[in-house]
PDB file of all heavy atoms in Angstrom:
ATOM      1  N   LEU A   1      -0.793  34.416  12.558  1.00  0.00           N
ATOM      2  CA  LEU A   1      -1.644  35.358  13.271  1.00  0.00           C
ATOM      3  C   LEU A   1      -2.228  36.341  12.267  1.00  0.00           C
ATOM      4  O   LEU A   1      -1.501  36.932  11.471  1.00  0.00           O
ATOM      5  CB  LEU A   1      -0.801  36.100  14.302  1.00  0.00           C
ATOM      6  CG  LEU A   1      -1.505  37.074  15.252  1.00  0.00           C
ATOM      7  CD1 LEU A   1      -2.457  36.331  16.153  1.00  0.00           C
ATOM      8  CD2 LEU A   1      -0.462  37.818  16.076  1.00  0.00           C
ATOM      9  N   VAL A   2      -3.539  36.500  12.304  1.00  0.00           N
ATOM     10  CA  VAL A   2      -4.187  37.399  11.347  1.00  0.00           C
ATOM     11  C   VAL A   2      -5.329  38.124  12.045  1.00  0.00           C
ATOM     12  O   VAL A   2      -5.973  37.568  12.938  1.00  0.00           O
ATOM     13  CB  VAL A   2      -4.698  36.612  10.122  1.00  0.00           C
ATOM     14  CG1 VAL A   2      -5.725  35.580  10.523  1.00  0.00           C
ATOM     15  CG2 VAL A   2      -5.247  37.535   9.054  1.00  0.00           C
ATOM     16  N   GLN A   3      -5.561  39.334  11.615  1.00  0.00           N
ATOM     17  CA  GLN A   3      -6.629  40.121  12.193  1.00  0.00           C
ATOM     18  C   GLN A   3      -7.979  39.643  11.673  1.00  0.00           C
ATOM     19  O   GLN A   3      -8.090  39.197  10.519  1.00  0.00           O
ATOM     20  CB  GLN A   3      -6.447  41.599  11.856  1.00  0.00           C
ATOM     21  CG  GLN A   3      -7.376  42.535  12.616  1.00  0.00           C
ATOM     22  CD  GLN A   3      -7.000  43.993  12.428  1.00  0.00           C
ATOM     23  OE1 GLN A   3      -6.268  44.353  11.498  1.00  0.00           O
ATOM     24  NE2 GLN A   3      -7.467  44.842  13.318  1.00  0.00           N
ATOM     25  N   ALA A   4      -8.999  39.746  12.505  1.00  0.00           N
ATOM     26  CA  ALA A   4     -10.353  39.388  12.072  1.00  0.00           C
ATOM     27  C   ALA A   4     -10.707  40.175  10.815  1.00  0.00           C
ATOM     28  O   ALA A   4     -10.436  41.368  10.718  1.00  0.00           O
ATOM     29  CB  ALA A   4     -11.345  39.662  13.181  1.00  0.00           C
ATOM     30  N   GLY A   5     -11.303  39.471   9.867  1.00  0.00           N
ATOM     31  CA  GLY A   5     -11.609  40.077   8.581  1.00  0.00           C
ATOM     32  C   GLY A   5     -10.527  39.913   7.561  1.00  0.00           C
ATOM     33  O   GLY A   5     -10.733  40.182   6.375  1.00  0.00           O
ATOM     34  N   GLY A   6      -9.381  39.452   8.007  1.00  0.00           N
ATOM     35  CA  GLY A   6      -8.248  39.276   7.112  1.00  0.00           C
ATOM     36  C   GLY A   6      -8.269  37.948   6.395  1.00  0.00           C
ATOM     37  O   GLY A   6      -9.240  37.181   6.479  1.00  0.00           O
ATOM     38  N   SER A   7      -7.180  37.690   5.688  1.00  0.00           N
ATOM     39  CA  SER A   7      -7.081  36.487   4.854  1.00  0.00           C
ATOM     40  C   SER A   7      -5.821  35.715   5.177  1.00  0.00           C
ATOM     41  O   SER A   7      -4.846  36.269   5.692  1.00  0.00           O
ATOM     42  CB  SER A   7      -7.069  36.885   3.371  1.00  0.00           C
ATOM     43  OG  SER A   7      -8.199  37.649   3.022  1.00  0.00           O
ATOM     44  N   LEU A   8      -5.862  34.447   4.826  1.00  0.00           N
ATOM     45  CA  LEU A   8      -4.714  33.576   5.042  1.00  0.00           C
ATOM     46  C   LEU A   8      -4.769  32.463   4.008  1.00  0.00           C
ATOM     47  O   LEU A   8      -5.863  32.038   3.618  1.00  0.00           O
ATOM     48  CB  LEU A   8      -4.756  32.993   6.454  1.00  0.00           C
ATOM     49  CG  LEU A   8      -3.438  32.634   7.153  1.00  0.00           C
ATOM     50  CD1 LEU A   8      -2.514  33.835   7.237  1.00  0.00           C
ATOM     51  CD2 LEU A   8      -3.737  32.092   8.537  1.00  0.00           C
ATOM     52  N   ARG A   9      -3.611  32.022   3.589  1.00  0.00           N
ATOM     53  CA  ARG A   9      -3.551  30.918   2.630  1.00  0.00           C
ATOM     54  C   ARG A   9      -2.721  29.791   3.225  1.00  0.00           C
ATOM     55  O   ARG A   9      -1.533  29.963   3.493  1.00  0.00           O
ATOM     56  CB  ARG A   9      -2.939  31.360   1.313  1.00  0.00           C
ATOM     57  CG  ARG A   9      -2.943  30.282   0.228  1.00  0.00           C
ATOM     58  CD  ARG A   9      -2.236  30.764  -1.013  1.00  0.00           C
ATOM     59  NE  ARG A   9      -2.514  29.950  -2.179  1.00  0.00           N
ATOM     60  CZ  ARG A   9      -1.579  29.481  -2.999  1.00  0.00           C
ATOM     61  NH1 ARG A   9      -0.309  29.759  -2.762  1.00  0.00           N
ATOM     62  NH2 ARG A   9      -1.910  28.769  -4.058  1.00  0.00           N
ATOM     63  N   LEU A  10      -3.360  28.650   3.423  1.00  0.00           N
ATOM     64  CA  LEU A  10      -2.670  27.479   3.919  1.00  0.00           C
ATOM     65  C   LEU A  10      -2.269  26.592   2.752  1.00  0.00           C
ATOM     66  O   LEU A  10      -2.979  26.512   1.756  1.00  0.00           O
ATOM     67  CB  LEU A  10      -3.567  26.696   4.869  1.00  0.00           C
ATOM     68  CG  LEU A  10      -4.174  27.464   6.041  1.00  0.00           C
ATOM     69  CD1 LEU A  10      -4.976  26.519   6.927  1.00  0.00           C
ATOM     70  CD2 LEU A  10      -3.103  28.184   6.842  1.00  0.00           C
ATOM     71  N   SER A  11      -1.129  25.937   2.926  1.00  0.00           N
ATOM     72  CA  SER A  11      -0.661  25.010   1.903  1.00  0.00           C
ATOM     73  C   SER A  11      -0.353  23.665   2.533  1.00  0.00           C
ATOM     74  O   SER A  11      -0.038  23.580   3.720  1.00  0.00           O
ATOM     75  CB  SER A  11       0.596  25.552   1.219  1.00  0.00           C
ATOM     76  OG  SER A  11       0.318  26.752   0.530  1.00  0.00           O
ATOM     77  N   CYS A  12      -0.439  22.643   1.722  1.00  0.00           N
ATOM     78  CA  CYS A  12      -0.135  21.290   2.168  1.00  0.00           C
ATOM     79  C   CYS A  12       0.661  20.618   1.054  1.00  0.00           C
ATOM     80  O   CYS A  12       0.184  20.500  -0.076  1.00  0.00           O
ATOM     81  CB  CYS A  12      -1.412  20.526   2.452  1.00  0.00           C
ATOM     82  SG  CYS A  12      -1.180  18.777   2.866  1.00  0.00           S
ATOM     83  N   ALA A  13       1.864  20.204   1.394  1.00  0.00           N
ATOM     84  CA  ALA A  13       2.715  19.514   0.437  1.00  0.00           C
ATOM     85  C   ALA A  13       2.693  18.024   0.723  1.00  0.00           C
ATOM     86  O   ALA A  13       2.873  17.604   1.878  1.00  0.00           O
ATOM     87  CB  ALA A  13       4.139  20.044   0.533  1.00  0.00           C
ATOM     88  N   ALA A  14       2.468  17.237  -0.304  1.00  0.00           N
ATOM     89  CA  ALA A  14       2.371  15.791  -0.156  1.00  0.00           C
ATOM     90  C   ALA A  14       3.560  15.104  -0.801  1.00  0.00           C
ATOM     91  O   ALA A  14       4.025  15.497  -1.869  1.00  0.00           O
ATOM     92  CB  ALA A  14       1.083  15.286  -0.791  1.00  0.00           C
ATOM     93  N   SER A  15       4.034  14.072  -0.152  1.00  0.00           N
ATOM     94  CA  SER A  15       5.115  13.267  -0.721  1.00  0.00           C
ATOM     95  C   SER A  15       4.513  12.123  -1.527  1.00  0.00           C
ATOM     96  O   SER A  15       3.320  11.845  -1.454  1.00  0.00           O
ATOM     97  CB  SER A  15       5.989  12.702   0.397  1.00  0.00           C
ATOM     98  OG  SER A  15       5.231  11.780   1.165  1.00  0.00           O
ATOM     99  N   GLY A  16       5.338  11.453  -2.284  1.00  0.00           N
ATOM    100  CA  GLY A  16       4.876  10.289  -3.026  1.00  0.00           C
ATOM    101  C   GLY A  16       4.374  10.634  -4.409  1.00  0.00           C
ATOM    102  O   GLY A  16       4.094  11.788  -4.729  1.00  0.00           O
ATOM    103  N   ARG A  17       4.239   9.589  -5.217  1.00  0.00           N
ATOM    104  CA  ARG A  17       3.849   9.777  -6.602  1.00  0.00           C
ATOM    105  C   ARG A  17       2.393   9.461  -6.857  1.00  0.00           C
ATOM    106  O   ARG A  17       1.948   9.430  -7.989  1.00  0.00           O
ATOM    107  CB  ARG A  17       4.723   8.893  -7.495  1.00  0.00           C
ATOM    108  CG  ARG A  17       6.183   9.294  -7.490  1.00  0.00           C
ATOM    109  CD  ARG A  17       7.010   8.354  -8.332  1.00  0.00           C
ATOM    110  NE  ARG A  17       7.122   7.038  -7.717  1.00  0.00           N
ATOM    111  CZ  ARG A  17       7.774   6.027  -8.266  1.00  0.00           C
ATOM    112  NH1 ARG A  17       8.342   6.163  -9.439  1.00  0.00           N
ATOM    113  NH2 ARG A  17       7.850   4.873  -7.651  1.00  0.00           N
ATOM    114  N   THR A  18       1.633   9.224  -5.775  1.00  0.00           N
ATOM    115  CA  THR A  18       0.235   8.819  -5.952  1.00  0.00           C
ATOM    116  C   THR A  18      -0.737   9.876  -5.476  1.00  0.00           C
ATOM    117  O   THR A  18      -1.891   9.592  -5.195  1.00  0.00           O
ATOM    118  CB  THR A  18      -0.027   7.516  -5.177  1.00  0.00           C
ATOM    119  OG1 THR A  18       0.253   7.731  -3.789  1.00  0.00           O
ATOM    120  CG2 THR A  18       0.830   6.393  -5.712  1.00  0.00           C
ATOM    121  N   PHE A  19      -0.273  11.101  -5.383  1.00  0.00           N
ATOM    122  CA  PHE A  19      -1.110  12.184  -4.852  1.00  0.00           C
ATOM    123  C   PHE A  19      -2.430  12.285  -5.593  1.00  0.00           C
ATOM    124  O   PHE A  19      -3.476  12.506  -4.998  1.00  0.00           O
ATOM    125  CB  PHE A  19      -0.329  13.488  -4.965  1.00  0.00           C
ATOM    126  CG  PHE A  19      -1.080  14.698  -4.496  1.00  0.00           C
ATOM    127  CD1 PHE A  19      -1.340  14.885  -3.148  1.00  0.00           C
ATOM    128  CD2 PHE A  19      -1.526  15.653  -5.399  1.00  0.00           C
ATOM    129  CE1 PHE A  19      -2.024  16.005  -2.699  1.00  0.00           C
ATOM    130  CE2 PHE A  19      -2.212  16.771  -4.968  1.00  0.00           C
ATOM    131  CZ  PHE A  19      -2.465  16.948  -3.621  1.00  0.00           C
ATOM    132  N   SER A  20      -2.408  12.117  -6.882  1.00  0.00           N
ATOM    133  CA  SER A  20      -3.616  12.294  -7.688  1.00  0.00           C
ATOM    134  C   SER A  20      -4.654  11.197  -7.463  1.00  0.00           C
ATOM    135  O   SER A  20      -5.764  11.287  -7.976  1.00  0.00           O
ATOM    136  CB  SER A  20      -3.251  12.357  -9.180  1.00  0.00           C
ATOM    137  OG  SER A  20      -2.632  11.158  -9.586  1.00  0.00           O
ATOM    138  N   ARG A  21      -4.314  10.165  -6.706  1.00  0.00           N
ATOM    139  CA  ARG A  21      -5.263   9.104  -6.396  1.00  0.00           C
ATOM    140  C   ARG A  21      -6.082   9.408  -5.146  1.00  0.00           C
ATOM    141  O   ARG A  21      -6.993   8.655  -4.799  1.00  0.00           O
ATOM    142  CB  ARG A  21      -4.533   7.777  -6.188  1.00  0.00           C
ATOM    143  CG  ARG A  21      -3.785   7.282  -7.406  1.00  0.00           C
ATOM    144  CD  ARG A  21      -3.098   5.950  -7.115  1.00  0.00           C
ATOM    145  NE  ARG A  21      -2.273   5.493  -8.225  1.00  0.00           N
ATOM    146  CZ  ARG A  21      -1.529   4.396  -8.193  1.00  0.00           C
ATOM    147  NH1 ARG A  21      -1.507   3.652  -7.106  1.00  0.00           N
ATOM    148  NH2 ARG A  21      -0.810   4.072  -9.237  1.00  0.00           N
ATOM    149  N   PHE A  22      -5.745  10.512  -4.485  1.00  0.00           N
ATOM    150  CA  PHE A  22      -6.370  10.828  -3.214  1.00  0.00           C
ATOM    151  C   PHE A  22      -7.279  12.048  -3.305  1.00  0.00           C
ATOM    152  O   PHE A  22      -6.897  13.079  -3.890  1.00  0.00           O
ATOM    153  CB  PHE A  22      -5.314  11.109  -2.149  1.00  0.00           C
ATOM    154  CG  PHE A  22      -4.516   9.909  -1.756  1.00  0.00           C
ATOM    155  CD1 PHE A  22      -3.393   9.532  -2.475  1.00  0.00           C
ATOM    156  CD2 PHE A  22      -4.882   9.153  -0.651  1.00  0.00           C
ATOM    157  CE1 PHE A  22      -2.647   8.433  -2.108  1.00  0.00           C
ATOM    158  CE2 PHE A  22      -4.141   8.051  -0.278  1.00  0.00           C
ATOM    159  CZ  PHE A  22      -3.023   7.679  -1.001  1.00  0.00           C
ATOM    160  N   ALA A  23      -8.458  11.919  -2.711  1.00  0.00           N
ATOM    161  CA  ALA A  23      -9.230  13.119  -2.406  1.00  0.00           C
ATOM    162  C   ALA A  23      -8.537  13.789  -1.225  1.00  0.00           C
ATOM    163  O   ALA A  23      -7.953  13.112  -0.379  1.00  0.00           O
ATOM    164  CB  ALA A  23     -10.663  12.753  -2.046  1.00  0.00           C
ATOM    165  N   MET A  24      -8.594  15.096  -1.186  1.00  0.00           N
ATOM    166  CA  MET A  24      -7.906  15.836  -0.125  1.00  0.00           C
ATOM    167  C   MET A  24      -8.899  16.650   0.686  1.00  0.00           C
ATOM    168  O   MET A  24      -9.926  17.107   0.161  1.00  0.00           O
ATOM    169  CB  MET A  24      -6.856  16.768  -0.735  1.00  0.00           C
ATOM    170  CG  MET A  24      -5.766  16.065  -1.529  1.00  0.00           C
ATOM    171  SD  MET A  24      -4.801  14.915  -0.526  1.00  0.00           S
ATOM    172  CE  MET A  24      -4.017  16.063   0.628  1.00  0.00           C
ATOM    173  N   GLY A  25      -8.579  16.812   1.943  1.00  0.00           N
ATOM    174  CA  GLY A  25      -9.470  17.571   2.798  1.00  0.00           C
ATOM    175  C   GLY A  25      -8.706  18.421   3.787  1.00  0.00           C
ATOM    176  O   GLY A  25      -7.524  18.197   4.042  1.00  0.00           O
ATOM    177  N   TRP A  26      -9.416  19.407   4.300  1.00  0.00           N
ATOM    178  CA  TRP A  26      -8.894  20.222   5.395  1.00  0.00           C
ATOM    179  C   TRP A  26      -9.868  20.104   6.566  1.00  0.00           C
ATOM    180  O   TRP A  26     -11.101  20.158   6.391  1.00  0.00           O
ATOM    181  CB  TRP A  26      -8.771  21.694   4.986  1.00  0.00           C
ATOM    182  CG  TRP A  26      -7.604  21.996   4.092  1.00  0.00           C
ATOM    183  CD1 TRP A  26      -7.603  22.041   2.728  1.00  0.00           C
ATOM    184  CD2 TRP A  26      -6.265  22.305   4.505  1.00  0.00           C
ATOM    185  NE1 TRP A  26      -6.339  22.355   2.267  1.00  0.00           N
ATOM    186  CE2 TRP A  26      -5.511  22.528   3.331  1.00  0.00           C
ATOM    187  CE3 TRP A  26      -5.634  22.432   5.743  1.00  0.00           C
ATOM    188  CZ2 TRP A  26      -4.152  22.861   3.372  1.00  0.00           C
ATOM    189  CZ3 TRP A  26      -4.298  22.756   5.771  1.00  0.00           C
ATOM    190  CH2 TRP A  26      -3.565  22.975   4.604  1.00  0.00           C
ATOM    191  N   PHE A  27      -9.291  19.951   7.732  1.00  0.00           N
ATOM    192  CA  PHE A  27     -10.052  19.888   8.963  1.00  0.00           C
ATOM    193  C   PHE A  27      -9.425  20.863   9.947  1.00  0.00           C
ATOM    194  O   PHE A  27      -8.286  21.292   9.773  1.00  0.00           O
ATOM    195  CB  PHE A  27     -10.016  18.473   9.549  1.00  0.00           C
ATOM    196  CG  PHE A  27     -10.662  17.440   8.669  1.00  0.00           C
ATOM    197  CD1 PHE A  27      -9.986  16.906   7.587  1.00  0.00           C
ATOM    198  CD2 PHE A  27     -11.946  17.003   8.930  1.00  0.00           C
ATOM    199  CE1 PHE A  27     -10.578  15.954   6.762  1.00  0.00           C
ATOM    200  CE2 PHE A  27     -12.551  16.054   8.117  1.00  0.00           C
ATOM    201  CZ  PHE A  27     -11.860  15.534   7.033  1.00  0.00           C
ATOM    202  N   ARG A  28     -10.157  21.183  10.982  1.00  0.00           N
ATOM    203  CA  ARG A  28      -9.586  22.040  12.018  1.00  0.00           C
ATOM    204  C   ARG A  28     -10.045  21.551  13.384  1.00  0.00           C
ATOM    205  O   ARG A  28     -11.086  20.922  13.524  1.00  0.00           O
ATOM    206  CB  ARG A  28      -9.992  23.493  11.813  1.00  0.00           C
ATOM    207  CG  ARG A  28     -11.480  23.786  11.997  1.00  0.00           C
ATOM    208  CD  ARG A  28     -11.781  25.225  11.634  1.00  0.00           C
ATOM    209  NE  ARG A  28     -13.191  25.560  11.836  1.00  0.00           N
ATOM    210  CZ  ARG A  28     -13.747  26.705  11.461  1.00  0.00           C
ATOM    211  NH1 ARG A  28     -13.009  27.639  10.858  1.00  0.00           N
ATOM    212  NH2 ARG A  28     -15.033  26.929  11.691  1.00  0.00           N
ATOM    213  N   GLN A  29      -9.224  21.855  14.361  1.00  0.00           N
ATOM    214  CA  GLN A  29      -9.569  21.495  15.730  1.00  0.00           C
ATOM    215  C   GLN A  29      -9.140  22.610  16.662  1.00  0.00           C
ATOM    216  O   GLN A  29      -7.951  22.951  16.724  1.00  0.00           O
ATOM    217  CB  GLN A  29      -8.921  20.177  16.142  1.00  0.00           C
ATOM    218  CG  GLN A  29      -9.404  19.679  17.492  1.00  0.00           C
ATOM    219  CD  GLN A  29      -9.061  18.225  17.724  1.00  0.00           C
ATOM    220  OE1 GLN A  29      -8.140  17.680  17.134  1.00  0.00           O
ATOM    221  NE2 GLN A  29      -9.830  17.579  18.597  1.00  0.00           N
ATOM    222  N   ALA A  30     -10.099  23.152  17.369  1.00  0.00           N
ATOM    223  CA  ALA A  30      -9.836  24.179  18.370  1.00  0.00           C
ATOM    224  C   ALA A  30      -9.731  23.512  19.729  1.00  0.00           C
ATOM    225  O   ALA A  30     -10.260  22.408  19.929  1.00  0.00           O
ATOM    226  CB  ALA A  30     -10.967  25.206  18.354  1.00  0.00           C
ATOM    227  N   PRO A  31      -9.072  24.144  20.683  1.00  0.00           N
ATOM    228  CA  PRO A  31      -8.929  23.551  22.017  1.00  0.00           C
ATOM    229  C   PRO A  31     -10.277  23.192  22.629  1.00  0.00           C
ATOM    230  O   PRO A  31     -11.206  23.997  22.629  1.00  0.00           O
ATOM    231  CB  PRO A  31      -8.235  24.664  22.809  1.00  0.00           C
ATOM    232  CG  PRO A  31      -7.500  25.445  21.780  1.00  0.00           C
ATOM    233  CD  PRO A  31      -8.376  25.424  20.561  1.00  0.00           C
ATOM    234  N   GLY A  32     -10.391  21.972  23.107  1.00  0.00           N
ATOM    235  CA  GLY A  32     -11.609  21.535  23.756  1.00  0.00           C
ATOM    236  C   GLY A  32     -12.742  21.179  22.819  1.00  0.00           C
ATOM    237  O   GLY A  32     -13.837  20.853  23.270  1.00  0.00           O
ATOM    238  N   LYS A  33     -12.486  21.229  21.525  1.00  0.00           N
ATOM    239  CA  LYS A  33     -13.529  20.925  20.543  1.00  0.00           C
ATOM    240  C   LYS A  33     -13.129  19.740  19.672  1.00  0.00           C
ATOM    241  O   LYS A  33     -11.962  19.393  19.570  1.00  0.00           O
ATOM    242  CB  LYS A  33     -13.808  22.148  19.667  1.00  0.00           C
ATOM    243  CG  LYS A  33     -14.379  23.333  20.428  1.00  0.00           C
ATOM    244  CD  LYS A  33     -14.797  24.440  19.484  1.00  0.00           C
ATOM    245  CE  LYS A  33     -15.424  25.604  20.240  1.00  0.00           C
ATOM    246  NZ  LYS A  33     -15.856  26.690  19.306  1.00  0.00           N
ATOM    247  N   GLU A  34     -14.122  19.158  19.053  1.00  0.00           N
ATOM    248  CA  GLU A  34     -13.866  18.022  18.176  1.00  0.00           C
ATOM    249  C   GLU A  34     -13.312  18.497  16.837  1.00  0.00           C
ATOM    250  O   GLU A  34     -13.472  19.655  16.441  1.00  0.00           O
ATOM    251  CB  GLU A  34     -15.162  17.235  17.958  1.00  0.00           C
ATOM    252  CG  GLU A  34     -15.670  16.537  19.205  1.00  0.00           C
ATOM    253  CD  GLU A  34     -16.873  15.666  18.925  1.00  0.00           C
ATOM    254  OE1 GLU A  34     -17.363  15.663  17.784  1.00  0.00           O
ATOM    255  OE2 GLU A  34     -17.313  14.981  19.858  1.00  0.00           O
ATOM    256  N   CYS A  35     -12.709  17.562  16.147  1.00  0.00           N
ATOM    257  CA  CYS A  35     -12.202  17.830  14.807  1.00  0.00           C
ATOM    258  C   CYS A  35     -13.377  18.196  13.899  1.00  0.00           C
ATOM    259  O   CYS A  35     -14.396  17.517  13.883  1.00  0.00           O
ATOM    260  CB  CYS A  35     -11.482  16.598  14.288  1.00  0.00           C
ATOM    261  SG  CYS A  35     -10.742  16.808  12.663  1.00  0.00           S
ATOM    262  N   GLU A  36     -13.200  19.254  13.139  1.00  0.00           N
ATOM    263  CA  GLU A  36     -14.277  19.786  12.305  1.00  0.00           C
ATOM    264  C   GLU A  36     -13.848  19.818  10.846  1.00  0.00           C
ATOM    265  O   GLU A  36     -12.800  20.355  10.507  1.00  0.00           O
ATOM    266  CB  GLU A  36     -14.632  21.207  12.764  1.00  0.00           C
ATOM    267  CG  GLU A  36     -15.710  21.891  11.950  1.00  0.00           C
ATOM    268  CD  GLU A  36     -15.911  23.339  12.352  1.00  0.00           C
ATOM    269  OE1 GLU A  36     -15.064  23.886  13.069  1.00  0.00           O
ATOM    270  OE2 GLU A  36     -16.923  23.927  11.926  1.00  0.00           O
ATOM    271  N   PHE A  37     -14.666  19.275   9.997  1.00  0.00           N
ATOM    272  CA  PHE A  37     -14.412  19.302   8.563  1.00  0.00           C
ATOM    273  C   PHE A  37     -14.658  20.704   8.015  1.00  0.00           C
ATOM    274  O   PHE A  37     -15.670  21.333   8.375  1.00  0.00           O
ATOM    275  CB  PHE A  37     -15.343  18.302   7.868  1.00  0.00           C
ATOM    276  CG  PHE A  37     -15.533  18.548   6.404  1.00  0.00           C
ATOM    277  CD1 PHE A  37     -14.521  18.267   5.503  1.00  0.00           C
ATOM    278  CD2 PHE A  37     -16.721  19.073   5.929  1.00  0.00           C
ATOM    279  CE1 PHE A  37     -14.694  18.500   4.150  1.00  0.00           C
ATOM    280  CE2 PHE A  37     -16.914  19.301   4.583  1.00  0.00           C
ATOM    281  CZ  PHE A  37     -15.898  19.024   3.687  1.00  0.00           C
ATOM    282  N   VAL A  38     -13.739  21.207   7.149  1.00  0.00           N
ATOM    283  CA  VAL A  38     -13.947  22.536   6.588  1.00  0.00           C
ATOM    284  C   VAL A  38     -13.896  22.570   5.058  1.00  0.00           C
ATOM    285  O   VAL A  38     -14.425  23.514   4.449  1.00  0.00           O
ATOM    286  CB  VAL A  38     -12.954  23.576   7.157  1.00  0.00           C
ATOM    287  CG1 VAL A  38     -13.189  23.799   8.639  1.00  0.00           C
ATOM    288  CG2 VAL A  38     -11.513  23.192   6.871  1.00  0.00           C
ATOM    289  N   ALA A  39     -13.269  21.582   4.425  1.00  0.00           N
ATOM    290  CA  ALA A  39     -13.224  21.614   2.959  1.00  0.00           C
ATOM    291  C   ALA A  39     -12.696  20.292   2.422  1.00  0.00           C
ATOM    292  O   ALA A  39     -11.886  19.639   3.062  1.00  0.00           O
ATOM    293  CB  ALA A  39     -12.321  22.743   2.461  1.00  0.00           C
ATOM    294  N   THR A  40     -13.162  19.922   1.231  1.00  0.00           N
ATOM    295  CA  THR A  40     -12.633  18.749   0.557  1.00  0.00           C
ATOM    296  C   THR A  40     -12.650  18.976  -0.942  1.00  0.00           C
ATOM    297  O   THR A  40     -13.460  19.753  -1.446  1.00  0.00           O
ATOM    298  CB  THR A  40     -13.420  17.477   0.916  1.00  0.00           C
ATOM    299  OG1 THR A  40     -12.807  16.346   0.280  1.00  0.00           O
ATOM    300  CG2 THR A  40     -14.858  17.569   0.439  1.00  0.00           C
TER     301      THR A  40
END
């Protein structure tokens, strides 16, 4: 939970030894909305 105008840092930990072979992305989905791409 964060106030409007504030900041947040999300992290994603991956298992396996092949992480460097993958492009990574972040997506988001709000209730009633489609999955939305936000970063890669």
